[in-house]
Each structure stands twice: as structure tokens, then as C-alpha cells.
Amino acid sequence: LHLGVSEAGPPWTGTIRSAVGIGALLAEGIGDTIRVS
């Protein structure tokens, strides 16, 4: 699975959205590669 939150936003907002979404999944053992948008 390629993880990412699509159209996450400008750097500040997008970083938070991506960290929460991608981080939650990775912490559950889900995901093999990531792209922050």
C-alpha cells in the first residue's frame, strides 16, 4: 500500500494532515511507501 493524504494543503496544514493520517496507519502496521502531498 502506497499511503498518502491527497491534496493535504499548504505546508503547515498539509504537514499536520499528513502526519496524522499517514502516522495513524503506519502505527497500526499498515503501509509500505508514503508520499506527503
PDB file of all heavy atoms in Angstrom:
ATOM      1  N   LEU A   1       0.831  -1.204   0.000  1.00  0.00           N
ATOM      2  CA  LEU A   1       0.000   0.000   0.000  1.00  0.00           C
ATOM      3  C   LEU A   1       0.865   1.252   0.000  1.00  0.00           C
ATOM      4  O   LEU A   1       1.798   1.384   0.790  1.00  0.00           O
ATOM      5  CB  LEU A   1      -0.924   0.003   1.218  1.00  0.00           C
ATOM      6  CG  LEU A   1      -1.891  -1.173   1.339  1.00  0.00           C
ATOM      7  CD1 LEU A   1      -2.848  -0.954   2.502  1.00  0.00           C
ATOM      8  CD2 LEU A   1      -2.659  -1.408   0.050  1.00  0.00           C
ATOM      9  N   HIS A   2       0.519   2.150  -0.888  1.00  0.00           N
ATOM     10  CA  HIS A   2       1.148   3.473  -1.005  1.00  0.00           C
ATOM     11  C   HIS A   2       0.251   4.435  -0.225  1.00  0.00           C
ATOM     12  O   HIS A   2      -0.901   4.662  -0.593  1.00  0.00           O
ATOM     13  CB  HIS A   2       1.232   3.832  -2.487  1.00  0.00           C
ATOM     14  CG  HIS A   2       1.574   5.253  -2.782  1.00  0.00           C
ATOM     15  ND1 HIS A   2       2.700   5.609  -3.496  1.00  0.00           N
ATOM     16  CD2 HIS A   2       0.936   6.411  -2.508  1.00  0.00           C
ATOM     17  CE1 HIS A   2       2.731   6.925  -3.635  1.00  0.00           C
ATOM     18  NE2 HIS A   2       1.664   7.431  -3.036  1.00  0.00           N
ATOM     19  N   LEU A   3       0.777   4.985   0.874  1.00  0.00           N
ATOM     20  CA  LEU A   3      -0.017   5.840   1.756  1.00  0.00           C
ATOM     21  C   LEU A   3       0.128   7.313   1.391  1.00  0.00           C
ATOM     22  O   LEU A   3       1.190   7.768   0.982  1.00  0.00           O
ATOM     23  CB  LEU A   3       0.413   5.681   3.215  1.00  0.00           C
ATOM     24  CG  LEU A   3       0.340   4.296   3.855  1.00  0.00           C
ATOM     25  CD1 LEU A   3       0.652   4.399   5.337  1.00  0.00           C
ATOM     26  CD2 LEU A   3      -1.012   3.646   3.643  1.00  0.00           C
ATOM     27  N   GLY A   4      -0.960   8.046   1.614  1.00  0.00           N
ATOM     28  CA  GLY A   4      -0.914   9.484   1.449  1.00  0.00           C
ATOM     29  C   GLY A   4      -2.275  10.093   1.726  1.00  0.00           C
ATOM     30  O   GLY A   4      -3.300   9.422   1.609  1.00  0.00           O
ATOM     31  N   VAL A   5      -2.272  11.345   2.120  1.00  0.00           N
ATOM     32  CA  VAL A   5      -3.491  12.135   2.229  1.00  0.00           C
ATOM     33  C   VAL A   5      -3.489  13.077   1.035  1.00  0.00           C
ATOM     34  O   VAL A   5      -2.606  13.929   0.913  1.00  0.00           O
ATOM     35  CB  VAL A   5      -3.552  12.925   3.552  1.00  0.00           C
ATOM     36  CG1 VAL A   5      -4.794  13.794   3.605  1.00  0.00           C
ATOM     37  CG2 VAL A   5      -3.510  11.972   4.736  1.00  0.00           C
ATOM     38  N   SER A   6      -4.436  12.917   0.135  1.00  0.00           N
ATOM     39  CA  SER A   6      -4.411  13.667  -1.117  1.00  0.00           C
ATOM     40  C   SER A   6      -4.789  15.126  -0.895  1.00  0.00           C
ATOM     41  O   SER A   6      -5.622  15.441  -0.037  1.00  0.00           O
ATOM     42  CB  SER A   6      -5.391  13.022  -2.105  1.00  0.00           C
ATOM     43  OG  SER A   6      -5.290  13.607  -3.365  1.00  0.00           O
ATOM     44  N   GLU A   7      -4.160  16.005  -1.688  1.00  0.00           N
ATOM     45  CA  GLU A   7      -4.443  17.449  -1.583  1.00  0.00           C
ATOM     46  C   GLU A   7      -4.442  17.904  -0.127  1.00  0.00           C
ATOM     47  O   GLU A   7      -5.384  18.549   0.348  1.00  0.00           O
ATOM     48  CB  GLU A   7      -5.794  17.800  -2.228  1.00  0.00           C
ATOM     49  CG  GLU A   7      -5.857  17.530  -3.707  1.00  0.00           C
ATOM     50  CD  GLU A   7      -6.451  16.163  -4.035  1.00  0.00           C
ATOM     51  OE1 GLU A   7      -7.294  15.667  -3.259  1.00  0.00           O
ATOM     52  OE2 GLU A   7      -6.065  15.579  -5.052  1.00  0.00           O
ATOM     53  N   ALA A   8      -3.370  17.572   0.586  1.00  0.00           N
ATOM     54  CA  ALA A   8      -3.326  17.836   2.027  1.00  0.00           C
ATOM     55  C   ALA A   8      -3.315  19.324   2.358  1.00  0.00           C
ATOM     56  O   ALA A   8      -3.693  19.713   3.462  1.00  0.00           O
ATOM     57  CB  ALA A   8      -2.110  17.160   2.648  1.00  0.00           C
ATOM     58  N   GLY A   9      -2.852  20.174   1.417  1.00  0.00           N
ATOM     59  CA  GLY A   9      -2.905  21.605   1.662  1.00  0.00           C
ATOM     60  C   GLY A   9      -1.546  22.271   1.655  1.00  0.00           C
ATOM     61  O   GLY A   9      -0.541  21.655   1.293  1.00  0.00           O
ATOM     62  N   PRO A  10      -1.494  23.550   2.046  1.00  0.00           N
ATOM     63  CA  PRO A  10      -0.212  24.248   2.137  1.00  0.00           C
ATOM     64  C   PRO A  10       0.665  23.612   3.215  1.00  0.00           C
ATOM     65  O   PRO A  10       0.183  22.811   4.028  1.00  0.00           O
ATOM     66  CB  PRO A  10      -0.615  25.682   2.482  1.00  0.00           C
ATOM     67  CG  PRO A  10      -1.976  25.571   3.076  1.00  0.00           C
ATOM     68  CD  PRO A  10      -2.631  24.398   2.425  1.00  0.00           C
ATOM     69  N   PRO A  11       1.960  23.977   3.248  1.00  0.00           N
ATOM     70  CA  PRO A  11       2.903  23.243   4.106  1.00  0.00           C
ATOM     71  C   PRO A  11       2.480  23.050   5.554  1.00  0.00           C
ATOM     72  O   PRO A  11       2.606  21.940   6.086  1.00  0.00           O
ATOM     73  CB  PRO A  11       4.177  24.075   3.985  1.00  0.00           C
ATOM     74  CG  PRO A  11       4.123  24.632   2.604  1.00  0.00           C
ATOM     75  CD  PRO A  11       2.665  24.942   2.376  1.00  0.00           C
ATOM     76  N   TRP A  12       1.984  24.096   6.221  1.00  0.00           N
ATOM     77  CA  TRP A  12       1.644  23.941   7.642  1.00  0.00           C
ATOM     78  C   TRP A  12       0.468  22.981   7.824  1.00  0.00           C
ATOM     79  O   TRP A  12       0.564  21.976   8.526  1.00  0.00           O
ATOM     80  CB  TRP A  12       1.331  25.307   8.243  1.00  0.00           C
ATOM     81  CG  TRP A  12       0.749  25.256   9.624  1.00  0.00           C
ATOM     82  CD1 TRP A  12      -0.519  25.578   9.993  1.00  0.00           C
ATOM     83  CD2 TRP A  12       1.411  24.844  10.833  1.00  0.00           C
ATOM     84  NE1 TRP A  12      -0.693  25.408  11.346  1.00  0.00           N
ATOM     85  CE2 TRP A  12       0.474  24.955  11.888  1.00  0.00           C
ATOM     86  CE3 TRP A  12       2.693  24.389  11.129  1.00  0.00           C
ATOM     87  CZ2 TRP A  12       0.778  24.632  13.201  1.00  0.00           C
ATOM     88  CZ3 TRP A  12       3.007  24.059  12.444  1.00  0.00           C
ATOM     89  CH2 TRP A  12       2.059  24.190  13.457  1.00  0.00           C
ATOM     90  N   THR A  13      -0.657  23.269   7.159  1.00  0.00           N
ATOM     91  CA  THR A  13      -1.835  22.421   7.275  1.00  0.00           C
ATOM     92  C   THR A  13      -1.575  21.030   6.725  1.00  0.00           C
ATOM     93  O   THR A  13      -1.962  20.017   7.316  1.00  0.00           O
ATOM     94  CB  THR A  13      -3.021  23.062   6.529  1.00  0.00           C
ATOM     95  OG1 THR A  13      -3.228  24.372   7.022  1.00  0.00           O
ATOM     96  CG2 THR A  13      -4.286  22.246   6.694  1.00  0.00           C
ATOM     97  N   GLY A  14      -0.922  20.988   5.571  1.00  0.00           N
ATOM     98  CA  GLY A  14      -0.672  19.704   4.928  1.00  0.00           C
ATOM     99  C   GLY A  14       0.241  18.802   5.727  1.00  0.00           C
ATOM    100  O   GLY A  14       0.073  17.576   5.730  1.00  0.00           O
ATOM    101  N   THR A  15       1.200  19.397   6.409  1.00  0.00           N
ATOM    102  CA  THR A  15       2.091  18.596   7.257  1.00  0.00           C
ATOM    103  C   THR A  15       1.304  17.942   8.388  1.00  0.00           C
ATOM    104  O   THR A  15       1.491  16.758   8.689  1.00  0.00           O
ATOM    105  CB  THR A  15       3.209  19.486   7.829  1.00  0.00           C
ATOM    106  OG1 THR A  15       4.058  19.920   6.758  1.00  0.00           O
ATOM    107  CG2 THR A  15       4.037  18.734   8.852  1.00  0.00           C
ATOM    108  N   ILE A  16       0.420  18.705   9.012  1.00  0.00           N
ATOM    109  CA  ILE A  16      -0.373  18.155  10.120  1.00  0.00           C
ATOM    110  C   ILE A  16      -1.306  17.062   9.616  1.00  0.00           C
ATOM    111  O   ILE A  16      -1.373  15.968  10.188  1.00  0.00           O
ATOM    112  CB  ILE A  16      -1.159  19.273  10.818  1.00  0.00           C
ATOM    113  CG1 ILE A  16      -0.190  20.251  11.499  1.00  0.00           C
ATOM    114  CG2 ILE A  16      -2.142  18.694  11.843  1.00  0.00           C
ATOM    115  CD1 ILE A  16      -0.829  21.498  12.010  1.00  0.00           C
ATOM    116  N   ARG A  17      -2.037  17.342   8.525  1.00  0.00           N
ATOM    117  CA  ARG A  17      -2.948  16.325   7.982  1.00  0.00           C
ATOM    118  C   ARG A  17      -2.182  15.044   7.625  1.00  0.00           C
ATOM    119  O   ARG A  17      -2.632  13.935   7.922  1.00  0.00           O
ATOM    120  CB  ARG A  17      -3.636  16.846   6.722  1.00  0.00           C
ATOM    121  CG  ARG A  17      -4.825  17.741   6.977  1.00  0.00           C
ATOM    122  CD  ARG A  17      -5.764  17.718   5.772  1.00  0.00           C
ATOM    123  NE  ARG A  17      -6.861  18.663   5.977  1.00  0.00           N
ATOM    124  CZ  ARG A  17      -6.946  19.843   5.394  1.00  0.00           C
ATOM    125  NH1 ARG A  17      -5.998  20.250   4.585  1.00  0.00           N
ATOM    126  NH2 ARG A  17      -7.978  20.633   5.630  1.00  0.00           N
ATOM    127  N   SER A  18      -1.063  15.209   6.977  1.00  0.00           N
ATOM    128  CA  SER A  18      -0.290  14.042   6.543  1.00  0.00           C
ATOM    129  C   SER A  18       0.273  13.273   7.725  1.00  0.00           C
ATOM    130  O   SER A  18       0.242  12.033   7.749  1.00  0.00           O
ATOM    131  CB  SER A  18       0.839  14.484   5.615  1.00  0.00           C
ATOM    132  OG  SER A  18       0.328  15.097   4.444  1.00  0.00           O
ATOM    133  N   ALA A  19       0.794  14.004   8.713  1.00  0.00           N
ATOM    134  CA  ALA A  19       1.368  13.331   9.878  1.00  0.00           C
ATOM    135  C   ALA A  19       0.302  12.534  10.623  1.00  0.00           C
ATOM    136  O   ALA A  19       0.552  11.403  11.072  1.00  0.00           O
ATOM    137  CB  ALA A  19       2.011  14.355  10.809  1.00  0.00           C
ATOM    138  N   VAL A  20      -0.903  13.102  10.746  1.00  0.00           N
ATOM    139  CA  VAL A  20      -1.978  12.400  11.454  1.00  0.00           C
ATOM    140  C   VAL A  20      -2.443  11.185  10.657  1.00  0.00           C
ATOM    141  O   VAL A  20      -2.535  10.067  11.180  1.00  0.00           O
ATOM    142  CB  VAL A  20      -3.157  13.355  11.731  1.00  0.00           C
ATOM    143  CG1 VAL A  20      -4.341  12.581  12.308  1.00  0.00           C
ATOM    144  CG2 VAL A  20      -2.735  14.450  12.705  1.00  0.00           C
ATOM    145  N   GLY A  21      -2.740  11.390   9.361  1.00  0.00           N
ATOM    146  CA  GLY A  21      -3.274  10.296   8.556  1.00  0.00           C
ATOM    147  C   GLY A  21      -2.261   9.193   8.295  1.00  0.00           C
ATOM    148  O   GLY A  21      -2.520   8.012   8.573  1.00  0.00           O
ATOM    149  N   ILE A  22      -1.107   9.568   7.770  1.00  0.00           N
ATOM    150  CA  ILE A  22      -0.073   8.571   7.468  1.00  0.00           C
ATOM    151  C   ILE A  22       0.446   7.949   8.750  1.00  0.00           C
ATOM    152  O   ILE A  22       0.645   6.733   8.845  1.00  0.00           O
ATOM    153  CB  ILE A  22       1.064   9.226   6.655  1.00  0.00           C
ATOM    154  CG1 ILE A  22       0.550   9.666   5.285  1.00  0.00           C
ATOM    155  CG2 ILE A  22       2.236   8.263   6.494  1.00  0.00           C
ATOM    156  CD1 ILE A  22       1.547  10.489   4.483  1.00  0.00           C
ATOM    157  N   GLY A  23       0.664   8.788   9.758  1.00  0.00           N
ATOM    158  CA  GLY A  23       1.203   8.282  11.020  1.00  0.00           C
ATOM    159  C   GLY A  23       0.268   7.297  11.692  1.00  0.00           C
ATOM    160  O   GLY A  23       0.710   6.277  12.236  1.00  0.00           O
ATOM    161  N   ALA A  24      -1.048   7.563  11.671  1.00  0.00           N
ATOM    162  CA  ALA A  24      -2.007   6.655  12.289  1.00  0.00           C
ATOM    163  C   ALA A  24      -1.969   5.286  11.633  1.00  0.00           C
ATOM    164  O   ALA A  24      -1.982   4.246  12.308  1.00  0.00           O
ATOM    165  CB  ALA A  24      -3.417   7.245  12.203  1.00  0.00           C
ATOM    166  N   LEU A  25      -1.897   5.262  10.309  1.00  0.00           N
ATOM    167  CA  LEU A  25      -1.881   3.994   9.587  1.00  0.00           C
ATOM    168  C   LEU A  25      -0.578   3.236   9.818  1.00  0.00           C
ATOM    169  O   LEU A  25      -0.588   2.023  10.073  1.00  0.00           O
ATOM    170  CB  LEU A  25      -2.101   4.246   8.097  1.00  0.00           C
ATOM    171  CG  LEU A  25      -3.516   4.703   7.729  1.00  0.00           C
ATOM    172  CD1 LEU A  25      -3.552   5.305   6.338  1.00  0.00           C
ATOM    173  CD2 LEU A  25      -4.498   3.535   7.830  1.00  0.00           C
ATOM    174  N   LEU A  26       0.538   3.944   9.732  1.00  0.00           N
ATOM    175  CA  LEU A  26       1.815   3.285   9.973  1.00  0.00           C
ATOM    176  C   LEU A  26       1.888   2.714  11.385  1.00  0.00           C
ATOM    177  O   LEU A  26       2.433   1.624  11.604  1.00  0.00           O
ATOM    178  CB  LEU A  26       2.969   4.262   9.742  1.00  0.00           C
ATOM    179  CG  LEU A  26       3.235   4.672   8.286  1.00  0.00           C
ATOM    180  CD1 LEU A  26       4.292   5.769   8.239  1.00  0.00           C
ATOM    181  CD2 LEU A  26       3.686   3.477   7.446  1.00  0.00           C
ATOM    182  N   ALA A  27       1.347   3.442  12.348  1.00  0.00           N
ATOM    183  CA  ALA A  27       1.356   2.960  13.735  1.00  0.00           C
ATOM    184  C   ALA A  27       0.530   1.687  13.891  1.00  0.00           C
ATOM    185  O   ALA A  27       0.764   0.903  14.812  1.00  0.00           O
ATOM    186  CB  ALA A  27       0.838   4.042  14.678  1.00  0.00           C
ATOM    187  N   GLU A  28      -0.427   1.474  12.988  1.00  0.00           N
ATOM    188  CA  GLU A  28      -1.229   0.255  13.005  1.00  0.00           C
ATOM    189  C   GLU A  28      -0.603  -0.863  12.184  1.00  0.00           C
ATOM    190  O   GLU A  28      -1.186  -1.944  12.053  1.00  0.00           O
ATOM    191  CB  GLU A  28      -2.635   0.553  12.470  1.00  0.00           C
ATOM    192  CG  GLU A  28      -3.447   1.493  13.347  1.00  0.00           C
ATOM    193  CD  GLU A  28      -4.825   1.782  12.760  1.00  0.00           C
ATOM    194  OE1 GLU A  28      -5.258   1.031  11.859  1.00  0.00           O
ATOM    195  OE2 GLU A  28      -5.457   2.749  13.203  1.00  0.00           O
ATOM    196  N   GLY A  29       0.571  -0.605  11.598  1.00  0.00           N
ATOM    197  CA  GLY A  29       1.234  -1.623  10.793  1.00  0.00           C
ATOM    198  C   GLY A  29       0.806  -1.640   9.345  1.00  0.00           C
ATOM    199  O   GLY A  29       1.113  -2.572   8.600  1.00  0.00           O
ATOM    200  N   ILE A  30       0.096  -0.598   8.911  1.00  0.00           N
ATOM    201  CA  ILE A  30      -0.411  -0.515   7.538  1.00  0.00           C
ATOM    202  C   ILE A  30       0.451   0.447   6.735  1.00  0.00           C
ATOM    203  O   ILE A  30       0.685   1.579   7.165  1.00  0.00           O
ATOM    204  CB  ILE A  30      -1.874  -0.042   7.523  1.00  0.00           C
ATOM    205  CG1 ILE A  30      -2.777  -1.057   8.243  1.00  0.00           C
ATOM    206  CG2 ILE A  30      -2.361   0.188   6.097  1.00  0.00           C
ATOM    207  CD1 ILE A  30      -4.199  -0.562   8.455  1.00  0.00           C
ATOM    208  N   GLY A  31       0.912   0.013   5.568  1.00  0.00           N
ATOM    209  CA  GLY A  31       1.631   0.909   4.670  1.00  0.00           C
ATOM    210  C   GLY A  31       3.043   0.461   4.378  1.00  0.00           C
ATOM    211  O   GLY A  31       3.750  -0.021   5.262  1.00  0.00           O
ATOM    212  N   ASP A  32       3.445   0.653   3.107  1.00  0.00           N
ATOM    213  CA  ASP A  32       4.757   0.203   2.657  1.00  0.00           C
ATOM    214  C   ASP A  32       5.586   1.307   2.025  1.00  0.00           C
ATOM    215  O   ASP A  32       6.805   1.197   1.953  1.00  0.00           O
ATOM    216  CB  ASP A  32       4.584  -0.934   1.652  1.00  0.00           C
ATOM    217  CG  ASP A  32       3.814  -2.098   2.241  1.00  0.00           C
ATOM    218  OD1 ASP A  32       4.414  -2.871   3.007  1.00  0.00           O
ATOM    219  OD2 ASP A  32       2.600  -2.212   1.971  1.00  0.00           O
ATOM    220  N   THR A  33       4.939   2.350   1.548  1.00  0.00           N
ATOM    221  CA  THR A  33       5.634   3.505   0.983  1.00  0.00           C
ATOM    222  C   THR A  33       4.731   4.705   1.160  1.00  0.00           C
ATOM    223  O   THR A  33       3.503   4.549   1.227  1.00  0.00           O
ATOM    224  CB  THR A  33       6.000   3.272  -0.504  1.00  0.00           C
ATOM    225  OG1 THR A  33       6.762   4.381  -1.003  1.00  0.00           O
ATOM    226  CG2 THR A  33       4.756   3.090  -1.357  1.00  0.00           C
ATOM    227  N   ILE A  34       5.297   5.908   1.283  1.00  0.00           N
ATOM    228  CA  ILE A  34       4.485   7.085   1.582  1.00  0.00           C
ATOM    229  C   ILE A  34       4.837   8.236   0.653  1.00  0.00           C
ATOM    230  O   ILE A  34       5.968   8.357   0.190  1.00  0.00           O
ATOM    231  CB  ILE A  34       4.636   7.544   3.048  1.00  0.00           C
ATOM    232  CG1 ILE A  34       6.060   8.060   3.319  1.00  0.00           C
ATOM    233  CG2 ILE A  34       4.304   6.406   4.009  1.00  0.00           C
ATOM    234  CD1 ILE A  34       6.216   8.688   4.708  1.00  0.00           C
ATOM    235  N   ARG A  35       3.831   9.069   0.404  1.00  0.00           N
ATOM    236  CA  ARG A  35       4.056  10.341  -0.275  1.00  0.00           C
ATOM    237  C   ARG A  35       3.250  11.416   0.454  1.00  0.00           C
ATOM    238  O   ARG A  35       2.027  11.302   0.595  1.00  0.00           O
ATOM    239  CB  ARG A  35       3.626  10.290  -1.746  1.00  0.00           C
ATOM    240  CG  ARG A  35       4.030  11.544  -2.563  1.00  0.00           C
ATOM    241  CD  ARG A  35       2.890  12.544  -2.666  1.00  0.00           C
ATOM    242  NE  ARG A  35       3.282  13.813  -3.251  1.00  0.00           N
ATOM    243  CZ  ARG A  35       2.792  14.312  -4.394  1.00  0.00           C
ATOM    244  NH1 ARG A  35       1.892  13.648  -5.079  1.00  0.00           N
ATOM    245  NH2 ARG A  35       3.185  15.499  -4.810  1.00  0.00           N
ATOM    246  N   VAL A  36       3.913  12.422   0.938  1.00  0.00           N
ATOM    247  CA  VAL A  36       3.261  13.577   1.544  1.00  0.00           C
ATOM    248  C   VAL A  36       2.934  14.564   0.425  1.00  0.00           C
ATOM    249  O   VAL A  36       3.803  14.910  -0.368  1.00  0.00           O
ATOM    250  CB  VAL A  36       4.175  14.235   2.599  1.00  0.00           C
ATOM    251  CG1 VAL A  36       3.579  15.533   3.103  1.00  0.00           C
ATOM    252  CG2 VAL A  36       4.426  13.270   3.750  1.00  0.00           C
ATOM    253  N   SER A  37       1.689  15.008   0.350  1.00  0.00           N
ATOM    254  CA  SER A  37       1.246  15.902  -0.723  1.00  0.00           C
ATOM    255  C   SER A  37       1.073  17.321  -0.183  1.00  0.00           C
ATOM    256  O   SER A  37       0.118  17.592   0.546  1.00  0.00           O
ATOM    257  CB  SER A  37      -0.086  15.412  -1.314  1.00  0.00           C
ATOM    258  OG  SER A  37       0.062  14.125  -1.868  1.00  0.00           O
TER     259      SER A  37
END
